[in-house]
Amino acid sequence: GAAALLRLVSEEVATVLGREPGVTIPFHRPLQEMGLDSLMALELRNRLVARTGLRLPSTLLFDHPTVTAVSQFLAGSVRDCPAPAAAPR
């Protein structure tokens, strides 16, 4: 659910920013204020693609600049994904 997505995004942000495991990332603080640059944004996007399997825009972190905004975008993307077709019997 929403809490799991917040946790996932927060963990990946902490990793990309080089923070120690378990360090709390403020959910509403802009990521650029925490030191996220364009290369880190691309790395973070790629990590989120790998973890979620979603196709994400390269501008993800600039269009959605906080952990909360990214999490909400991911939640919307998950809802918009078509359900897998049932396997034939």
PDB file of N, CA and C in Angstrom:
ATOM      1  N   GLY A   1       0.808  -1.178   0.000  1.00  0.00           N
ATOM      2  CA  GLY A   1       0.000   0.000   0.000  1.00  0.00           C
ATOM      3  C   GLY A   1       0.863   1.256   0.000  1.00  0.00           C
ATOM      4  N   ALA A   2       0.260   2.316   0.396  1.00  0.00           N
ATOM      5  CA  ALA A   2       0.912   3.627   0.394  1.00  0.00           C
ATOM      6  C   ALA A   2       2.130   3.663   1.321  1.00  0.00           C
ATOM      7  N   ALA A   3       2.015   3.047   2.488  1.00  0.00           N
ATOM      8  CA  ALA A   3       3.145   3.038   3.435  1.00  0.00           C
ATOM      9  C   ALA A   3       4.328   2.263   2.862  1.00  0.00           C
ATOM     10  N   ALA A   4       4.043   1.166   2.175  1.00  0.00           N
ATOM     11  CA  ALA A   4       5.121   0.380   1.567  1.00  0.00           C
ATOM     12  C   ALA A   4       5.818   1.171   0.469  1.00  0.00           C
ATOM     13  N   LEU A   5       5.062   1.930  -0.327  1.00  0.00           N
ATOM     14  CA  LEU A   5       5.674   2.754  -1.369  1.00  0.00           C
ATOM     15  C   LEU A   5       6.513   3.872  -0.768  1.00  0.00           C
ATOM     16  N   LEU A   6       6.019   4.509   0.298  1.00  0.00           N
ATOM     17  CA  LEU A   6       6.810   5.543   0.978  1.00  0.00           C
ATOM     18  C   LEU A   6       8.126   4.963   1.481  1.00  0.00           C
ATOM     19  N   ARG A   7       8.062   3.788   2.076  1.00  0.00           N
ATOM     20  CA  ARG A   7       9.251   3.136   2.601  1.00  0.00           C
ATOM     21  C   ARG A   7      10.224   2.791   1.467  1.00  0.00           C
ATOM     22  N   LEU A   8       9.706   2.250   0.368  1.00  0.00           N
ATOM     23  CA  LEU A   8      10.532   1.893  -0.778  1.00  0.00           C
ATOM     24  C   LEU A   8      11.248   3.119  -1.341  1.00  0.00           C
ATOM     25  N   VAL A   9      10.508   4.192  -1.587  1.00  0.00           N
ATOM     26  CA  VAL A   9      11.111   5.406  -2.144  1.00  0.00           C
ATOM     27  C   VAL A   9      12.115   5.992  -1.166  1.00  0.00           C
ATOM     28  N   SER A  10      11.765   6.032   0.106  1.00  0.00           N
ATOM     29  CA  SER A  10      12.664   6.574   1.128  1.00  0.00           C
ATOM     30  C   SER A  10      13.966   5.787   1.196  1.00  0.00           C
ATOM     31  N   GLU A  11      13.881   4.460   1.145  1.00  0.00           N
ATOM     32  CA  GLU A  11      15.081   3.608   1.173  1.00  0.00           C
ATOM     33  C   GLU A  11      15.978   3.881  -0.030  1.00  0.00           C
ATOM     34  N   GLU A  12      15.363   3.996  -1.203  1.00  0.00           N
ATOM     35  CA  GLU A  12      16.150   4.230  -2.411  1.00  0.00           C
ATOM     36  C   GLU A  12      16.766   5.631  -2.408  1.00  0.00           C
ATOM     37  N   VAL A  13      16.032   6.620  -1.920  1.00  0.00           N
ATOM     38  CA  VAL A  13      16.585   7.982  -1.802  1.00  0.00           C
ATOM     39  C   VAL A  13      17.785   7.960  -0.871  1.00  0.00           C
ATOM     40  N   ALA A  14      17.652   7.310   0.270  1.00  0.00           N
ATOM     41  CA  ALA A  14      18.756   7.239   1.240  1.00  0.00           C
ATOM     42  C   ALA A  14      19.980   6.581   0.606  1.00  0.00           C
ATOM     43  N   THR A  15      19.774   5.512  -0.145  1.00  0.00           N
ATOM     44  CA  THR A  15      20.882   4.815  -0.794  1.00  0.00           C
ATOM     45  C   THR A  15      21.581   5.726  -1.793  1.00  0.00           C
ATOM     46  N   VAL A  16      20.816   6.377  -2.655  1.00  0.00           N
ATOM     47  CA  VAL A  16      21.387   7.234  -3.692  1.00  0.00           C
ATOM     48  C   VAL A  16      22.112   8.432  -3.075  1.00  0.00           C
ATOM     49  N   LEU A  17      21.579   8.958  -1.976  1.00  0.00           N
ATOM     50  CA  LEU A  17      22.215  10.103  -1.314  1.00  0.00           C
ATOM     51  C   LEU A  17      23.384   9.684  -0.417  1.00  0.00           C
ATOM     52  N   GLY A  18      23.615   8.365  -0.304  1.00  0.00           N
ATOM     53  CA  GLY A  18      24.733   7.884   0.505  1.00  0.00           C
ATOM     54  C   GLY A  18      24.502   7.968   1.997  1.00  0.00           C
ATOM     55  N   ARG A  19      23.242   7.950   2.409  1.00  0.00           N
ATOM     56  CA  ARG A  19      22.909   8.007   3.838  1.00  0.00           C
ATOM     57  C   ARG A  19      23.046   6.626   4.460  1.00  0.00           C
ATOM     58  N   GLU A  20      23.285   6.601   5.726  1.00  0.00           N
ATOM     59  CA  GLU A  20      23.388   5.344   6.468  1.00  0.00           C
ATOM     60  C   GLU A  20      22.033   4.631   6.476  1.00  0.00           C
ATOM     61  N   PRO A  21      22.038   3.297   6.444  1.00  0.00           N
ATOM     62  CA  PRO A  21      20.771   2.563   6.541  1.00  0.00           C
ATOM     63  C   PRO A  21      20.025   2.953   7.815  1.00  0.00           C
ATOM     64  N   GLY A  22      18.729   3.107   7.702  1.00  0.00           N
ATOM     65  CA  GLY A  22      17.913   3.457   8.853  1.00  0.00           C
ATOM     66  C   GLY A  22      17.755   4.949   9.085  1.00  0.00           C
ATOM     67  N   VAL A  23      18.505   5.787   8.331  1.00  0.00           N
ATOM     68  CA  VAL A  23      18.362   7.235   8.469  1.00  0.00           C
ATOM     69  C   VAL A  23      17.031   7.643   7.855  1.00  0.00           C
ATOM     70  N   THR A  24      16.251   8.407   8.609  1.00  0.00           N
ATOM     71  CA  THR A  24      14.947   8.840   8.131  1.00  0.00           C
ATOM     72  C   THR A  24      15.101   9.973   7.121  1.00  0.00           C
ATOM     73  N   ILE A  25      14.457   9.819   5.991  1.00  0.00           N
ATOM     74  CA  ILE A  25      14.433  10.848   4.957  1.00  0.00           C
ATOM     75  C   ILE A  25      13.118  11.610   5.118  1.00  0.00           C
ATOM     76  N   PRO A  26      13.165  12.943   5.232  1.00  0.00           N
ATOM     77  CA  PRO A  26      11.917  13.717   5.360  1.00  0.00           C
ATOM     78  C   PRO A  26      11.052  13.544   4.100  1.00  0.00           C
ATOM     79  N   PHE A  27       9.824  13.101   4.270  1.00  0.00           N
ATOM     80  CA  PHE A  27       8.956  12.785   3.139  1.00  0.00           C
ATOM     81  C   PHE A  27       8.532  14.001   2.328  1.00  0.00           C
ATOM     82  N   HIS A  28       8.439  15.176   2.969  1.00  0.00           N
ATOM     83  CA  HIS A  28       7.909  16.352   2.279  1.00  0.00           C
ATOM     84  C   HIS A  28       8.989  17.355   1.877  1.00  0.00           C
ATOM     85  N   ARG A  29      10.231  17.067   2.197  1.00  0.00           N
ATOM     86  CA  ARG A  29      11.319  17.985   1.848  1.00  0.00           C
ATOM     87  C   ARG A  29      11.755  17.734   0.403  1.00  0.00           C
ATOM     88  N   PRO A  30      11.915  18.796  -0.408  1.00  0.00           N
ATOM     89  CA  PRO A  30      12.373  18.598  -1.788  1.00  0.00           C
ATOM     90  C   PRO A  30      13.716  17.866  -1.829  1.00  0.00           C
ATOM     91  N   LEU A  31      13.797  16.885  -2.704  1.00  0.00           N
ATOM     92  CA  LEU A  31      14.999  16.058  -2.804  1.00  0.00           C
ATOM     93  C   LEU A  31      16.218  16.883  -3.223  1.00  0.00           C
ATOM     94  N   GLN A  32      16.026  17.902  -4.042  1.00  0.00           N
ATOM     95  CA  GLN A  32      17.153  18.740  -4.450  1.00  0.00           C
ATOM     96  C   GLN A  32      17.745  19.471  -3.247  1.00  0.00           C
ATOM     97  N   GLU A  33      16.928  19.820  -2.267  1.00  0.00           N
ATOM     98  CA  GLU A  33      17.435  20.465  -1.046  1.00  0.00           C
ATOM     99  C   GLU A  33      18.309  19.518  -0.236  1.00  0.00           C
ATOM    100  N   MET A  34      18.121  18.218  -0.427  1.00  0.00           N
ATOM    101  CA  MET A  34      18.917  17.218   0.294  1.00  0.00           C
ATOM    102  C   MET A  34      20.169  16.833  -0.479  1.00  0.00           C
ATOM    103  N   GLY A  35      20.383  17.461  -1.655  1.00  0.00           N
ATOM    104  CA  GLY A  35      21.593  17.210  -2.413  1.00  0.00           C
ATOM    105  C   GLY A  35      21.416  16.379  -3.662  1.00  0.00           C
ATOM    106  N   LEU A  36      20.181  16.023  -4.021  1.00  0.00           N
ATOM    107  CA  LEU A  36      19.942  15.220  -5.217  1.00  0.00           C
ATOM    108  C   LEU A  36      20.244  16.064  -6.459  1.00  0.00           C
ATOM    109  N   ASP A  37      21.168  15.579  -7.285  1.00  0.00           N
ATOM    110  CA  ASP A  37      21.472  16.266  -8.542  1.00  0.00           C
ATOM    111  C   ASP A  37      20.907  15.452  -9.702  1.00  0.00           C
ATOM    112  N   SER A  38      21.149  15.891 -10.937  1.00  0.00           N
ATOM    113  CA  SER A  38      20.536  15.226 -12.093  1.00  0.00           C
ATOM    114  C   SER A  38      21.034  13.794 -12.285  1.00  0.00           C
ATOM    115  N   LEU A  39      22.316  13.542 -12.019  1.00  0.00           N
ATOM    116  CA  LEU A  39      22.822  12.168 -12.146  1.00  0.00           C
ATOM    117  C   LEU A  39      22.224  11.260 -11.075  1.00  0.00           C
ATOM    118  N   MET A  40      22.108  11.783  -9.863  1.00  0.00           N
ATOM    119  CA  MET A  40      21.486  11.007  -8.784  1.00  0.00           C
ATOM    120  C   MET A  40      20.006  10.750  -9.096  1.00  0.00           C
ATOM    121  N   ALA A  41      19.341  11.745  -9.677  1.00  0.00           N
ATOM    122  CA  ALA A  41      17.923  11.581 -10.025  1.00  0.00           C
ATOM    123  C   ALA A  41      17.754  10.456 -11.032  1.00  0.00           C
ATOM    124  N   LEU A  42      18.642  10.384 -11.998  1.00  0.00           N
ATOM    125  CA  LEU A  42      18.586   9.312 -12.986  1.00  0.00           C
ATOM    126  C   LEU A  42      18.859   7.959 -12.330  1.00  0.00           C
ATOM    127  N   GLU A  43      19.859   7.921 -11.446  1.00  0.00           N
ATOM    128  CA  GLU A  43      20.158   6.674 -10.727  1.00  0.00           C
ATOM    129  C   GLU A  43      18.961   6.242  -9.882  1.00  0.00           C
ATOM    130  N   LEU A  44      18.346   7.189  -9.183  1.00  0.00           N
ATOM    131  CA  LEU A  44      17.190   6.879  -8.344  1.00  0.00           C
ATOM    132  C   LEU A  44      16.031   6.365  -9.198  1.00  0.00           C
ATOM    133  N   ARG A  45      15.786   7.026 -10.310  1.00  0.00           N
ATOM    134  CA  ARG A  45      14.731   6.569 -11.223  1.00  0.00           C
ATOM    135  C   ARG A  45      15.002   5.139 -11.683  1.00  0.00           C
ATOM    136  N   ASN A  46      16.235   4.869 -12.075  1.00  0.00           N
ATOM    137  CA  ASN A  46      16.586   3.524 -12.533  1.00  0.00           C
ATOM    138  C   ASN A  46      16.418   2.486 -11.431  1.00  0.00           C
ATOM    139  N   ARG A  47      16.770   2.849 -10.210  1.00  0.00           N
ATOM    140  CA  ARG A  47      16.601   1.935  -9.076  1.00  0.00           C
ATOM    141  C   ARG A  47      15.108   1.660  -8.835  1.00  0.00           C
ATOM    142  N   LEU A  48      14.279   2.697  -8.966  1.00  0.00           N
ATOM    143  CA  LEU A  48      12.839   2.521  -8.769  1.00  0.00           C
ATOM    144  C   LEU A  48      12.238   1.671  -9.890  1.00  0.00           C
ATOM    145  N   VAL A  49      12.721   1.842 -11.114  1.00  0.00           N
ATOM    146  CA  VAL A  49      12.270   0.997 -12.230  1.00  0.00           C
ATOM    147  C   VAL A  49      12.604  -0.464 -11.926  1.00  0.00           C
ATOM    148  N   ALA A  50      13.832  -0.702 -11.464  1.00  0.00           N
ATOM    149  CA  ALA A  50      14.265  -2.066 -11.162  1.00  0.00           C
ATOM    150  C   ALA A  50      13.438  -2.680 -10.029  1.00  0.00           C
ATOM    151  N   ARG A  51      13.105  -1.871  -9.028  1.00  0.00           N
ATOM    152  CA  ARG A  51      12.355  -2.396  -7.871  1.00  0.00           C
ATOM    153  C   ARG A  51      10.874  -2.590  -8.162  1.00  0.00           C
ATOM    154  N   THR A  52      10.296  -1.728  -9.037  1.00  0.00           N
ATOM    155  CA  THR A  52       8.849  -1.774  -9.253  1.00  0.00           C
ATOM    156  C   THR A  52       8.438  -2.430 -10.566  1.00  0.00           C
ATOM    157  N   GLY A  53       9.345  -2.440 -11.550  1.00  0.00           N
ATOM    158  CA  GLY A  53       8.988  -2.953 -12.863  1.00  0.00           C
ATOM    159  C   GLY A  53       8.162  -1.973 -13.680  1.00  0.00           C
ATOM    160  N   LEU A  54       7.967  -0.772 -13.181  1.00  0.00           N
ATOM    161  CA  LEU A  54       7.186   0.241 -13.891  1.00  0.00           C
ATOM    162  C   LEU A  54       8.058   0.999 -14.879  1.00  0.00           C
ATOM    163  N   ARG A  55       7.445   1.516 -15.920  1.00  0.00           N
ATOM    164  CA  ARG A  55       8.141   2.416 -16.845  1.00  0.00           C
ATOM    165  C   ARG A  55       7.960   3.819 -16.275  1.00  0.00           C
ATOM    166  N   LEU A  56       9.059   4.466 -15.930  1.00  0.00           N
ATOM    167  CA  LEU A  56       9.003   5.784 -15.298  1.00  0.00           C
ATOM    168  C   LEU A  56       9.702   6.820 -16.168  1.00  0.00           C
ATOM    169  N   PRO A  57       9.176   8.045 -16.212  1.00  0.00           N
ATOM    170  CA  PRO A  57       9.790   9.080 -17.038  1.00  0.00           C
ATOM    171  C   PRO A  57      11.141   9.513 -16.483  1.00  0.00           C
ATOM    172  N   SER A  58      12.019   9.953 -17.367  1.00  0.00           N
ATOM    173  CA  SER A  58      13.343  10.400 -16.924  1.00  0.00           C
ATOM    174  C   SER A  58      13.252  11.656 -16.066  1.00  0.00           C
ATOM    175  N   THR A  59      12.150  12.378 -16.169  1.00  0.00           N
ATOM    176  CA  THR A  59      11.955  13.602 -15.384  1.00  0.00           C
ATOM    177  C   THR A  59      11.214  13.349 -14.067  1.00  0.00           C
ATOM    178  N   LEU A  60      11.083  12.095 -13.692  1.00  0.00           N
ATOM    179  CA  LEU A  60      10.297  11.717 -12.511  1.00  0.00           C
ATOM    180  C   LEU A  60      10.604  12.565 -11.286  1.00  0.00           C
ATOM    181  N   LEU A  61      11.899  12.684 -10.931  1.00  0.00           N
ATOM    182  CA  LEU A  61      12.262  13.344  -9.680  1.00  0.00           C
ATOM    183  C   LEU A  61      12.164  14.864  -9.758  1.00  0.00           C
ATOM    184  N   PHE A  62      12.131  15.397 -10.953  1.00  0.00           N
ATOM    185  CA  PHE A  62      11.971  16.840 -11.090  1.00  0.00           C
ATOM    186  C   PHE A  62      10.491  17.205 -11.174  1.00  0.00           C
ATOM    187  N   ASP A  63       9.677  16.312 -11.735  1.00  0.00           N
ATOM    188  CA  ASP A  63       8.232  16.523 -11.779  1.00  0.00           C
ATOM    189  C   ASP A  63       7.588  16.224 -10.428  1.00  0.00           C
ATOM    190  N   HIS A  64       8.190  15.336  -9.659  1.00  0.00           N
ATOM    191  CA  HIS A  64       7.670  14.898  -8.356  1.00  0.00           C
ATOM    192  C   HIS A  64       8.830  15.002  -7.361  1.00  0.00           C
ATOM    193  N   PRO A  65       9.064  16.190  -6.797  1.00  0.00           N
ATOM    194  CA  PRO A  65      10.325  16.478  -6.092  1.00  0.00           C
ATOM    195  C   PRO A  65      10.452  16.009  -4.647  1.00  0.00           C
ATOM    196  N   THR A  66       9.467  15.309  -4.112  1.00  0.00           N
ATOM    197  CA  THR A  66       9.575  14.830  -2.735  1.00  0.00           C
ATOM    198  C   THR A  66       9.309  13.330  -2.680  1.00  0.00           C
ATOM    199  N   VAL A  67       9.692  12.708  -1.583  1.00  0.00           N
ATOM    200  CA  VAL A  67       9.414  11.278  -1.393  1.00  0.00           C
ATOM    201  C   VAL A  67       7.909  11.026  -1.491  1.00  0.00           C
ATOM    202  N   THR A  68       7.118  11.891  -0.872  1.00  0.00           N
ATOM    203  CA  THR A  68       5.665  11.740  -0.907  1.00  0.00           C
ATOM    204  C   THR A  68       5.141  11.826  -2.336  1.00  0.00           C
ATOM    205  N   ALA A  69       5.599  12.825  -3.088  1.00  0.00           N
ATOM    206  CA  ALA A  69       5.121  13.010  -4.461  1.00  0.00           C
ATOM    207  C   ALA A  69       5.501  11.822  -5.345  1.00  0.00           C
ATOM    208  N   VAL A  70       6.714  11.321  -5.199  1.00  0.00           N
ATOM    209  CA  VAL A  70       7.143  10.162  -5.983  1.00  0.00           C
ATOM    210  C   VAL A  70       6.295   8.947  -5.614  1.00  0.00           C
ATOM    211  N   SER A  71       6.067   8.753  -4.329  1.00  0.00           N
ATOM    212  CA  SER A  71       5.262   7.614  -3.862  1.00  0.00           C
ATOM    213  C   SER A  71       3.848   7.678  -4.425  1.00  0.00           C
ATOM    214  N   GLN A  72       3.255   8.876  -4.414  1.00  0.00           N
ATOM    215  CA  GLN A  72       1.902   9.042  -4.950  1.00  0.00           C
ATOM    216  C   GLN A  72       1.883   8.771  -6.455  1.00  0.00           C
ATOM    217  N   PHE A  73       2.915   9.222  -7.163  1.00  0.00           N
ATOM    218  CA  PHE A  73       3.006   8.947  -8.595  1.00  0.00           C
ATOM    219  C   PHE A  73       3.097   7.437  -8.842  1.00  0.00           C
ATOM    220  N   LEU A  74       3.934   6.757  -8.063  1.00  0.00           N
ATOM    221  CA  LEU A  74       4.062   5.304  -8.214  1.00  0.00           C
ATOM    222  C   LEU A  74       2.739   4.605  -7.933  1.00  0.00           C
ATOM    223  N   ALA A  75       2.031   5.060  -6.901  1.00  0.00           N
ATOM    224  CA  ALA A  75       0.738   4.450  -6.573  1.00  0.00           C
ATOM    225  C   ALA A  75      -0.231   4.608  -7.743  1.00  0.00           C
ATOM    226  N   GLY A  76      -0.247   5.786  -8.362  1.00  0.00           N
ATOM    227  CA  GLY A  76      -1.104   6.004  -9.520  1.00  0.00           C
ATOM    228  C   GLY A  76      -0.688   5.155 -10.702  1.00  0.00           C
ATOM    229  N   SER A  77       0.611   4.976 -10.872  1.00  0.00           N
ATOM    230  CA  SER A  77       1.114   4.155 -11.981  1.00  0.00           C
ATOM    231  C   SER A  77       0.743   2.689 -11.795  1.00  0.00           C
ATOM    232  N   VAL A  78       0.790   2.228 -10.560  1.00  0.00           N
ATOM    233  CA  VAL A  78       0.424   0.839 -10.265  1.00  0.00           C
ATOM    234  C   VAL A  78      -1.057   0.629 -10.564  1.00  0.00           C
ATOM    235  N   ARG A  79      -1.899   1.599 -10.187  1.00  0.00           N
ATOM    236  CA  ARG A  79      -3.343   1.486 -10.445  1.00  0.00           C
ATOM    237  C   ARG A  79      -3.643   1.497 -11.936  1.00  0.00           C
ATOM    238  N   ASP A  80      -2.845   2.247 -12.715  1.00  0.00           N
ATOM    239  CA  ASP A  80      -3.091   2.374 -14.154  1.00  0.00           C
ATOM    240  C   ASP A  80      -2.592   1.180 -14.958  1.00  0.00           C
ATOM    241  N   CYS A  81      -1.793   0.310 -14.345  1.00  0.00           N
ATOM    242  CA  CYS A  81      -1.267  -0.853 -15.063  1.00  0.00           C
ATOM    243  C   CYS A  81      -2.398  -1.842 -15.306  1.00  0.00           C
ATOM    244  N   PRO A  82      -2.494  -2.360 -16.533  1.00  0.00           N
ATOM    245  CA  PRO A  82      -3.528  -3.365 -16.774  1.00  0.00           C
ATOM    246  C   PRO A  82      -3.204  -4.647 -15.991  1.00  0.00           C
ATOM    247  N   ALA A  83      -4.231  -5.304 -15.561  1.00  0.00           N
ATOM    248  CA  ALA A  83      -4.039  -6.569 -14.851  1.00  0.00           C
ATOM    249  C   ALA A  83      -3.507  -7.598 -15.835  1.00  0.00           C
ATOM    250  N   PRO A  84      -2.630  -8.483 -15.375  1.00  0.00           N
ATOM    251  CA  PRO A  84      -2.121  -9.516 -16.282  1.00  0.00           C
ATOM    252  C   PRO A  84      -3.273 -10.423 -16.744  1.00  0.00           C
ATOM    253  N   ALA A  85      -3.168 -10.853 -17.979  1.00  0.00           N
ATOM    254  CA  ALA A  85      -4.189 -11.749 -18.520  1.00  0.00           C
ATOM    255  C   ALA A  85      -4.136 -13.088 -17.800  1.00  0.00           C
ATOM    256  N   ALA A  86      -5.279 -13.692 -17.654  1.00  0.00           N
ATOM    257  CA  ALA A  86      -5.336 -15.005 -17.005  1.00  0.00           C
ATOM    258  C   ALA A  86      -4.629 -16.027 -17.907  1.00  0.00           C
ATOM    259  N   ALA A  87      -3.938 -16.923 -17.299  1.00  0.00           N
ATOM    260  CA  ALA A  87      -3.241 -17.971 -18.044  1.00  0.00           C
ATOM    261  C   ALA A  87      -4.274 -18.907 -18.666  1.00  0.00           C
ATOM    262  N   PRO A  88      -4.047 -19.285 -19.914  1.00  0.00           N
ATOM    263  CA  PRO A  88      -5.003 -20.228 -20.543  1.00  0.00           C
ATOM    264  C   PRO A  88      -4.969 -21.578 -19.840  1.00  0.00           C
ATOM    265  N   ARG A  89      -6.092 -22.228 -19.814  1.00  0.00           N
ATOM    266  CA  ARG A  89      -6.168 -23.552 -19.153  1.00  0.00           C
ATOM    267  C   ARG A  89      -5.916 -24.643 -20.127  1.00  0.00           C
TER     268      ARG A  89
END
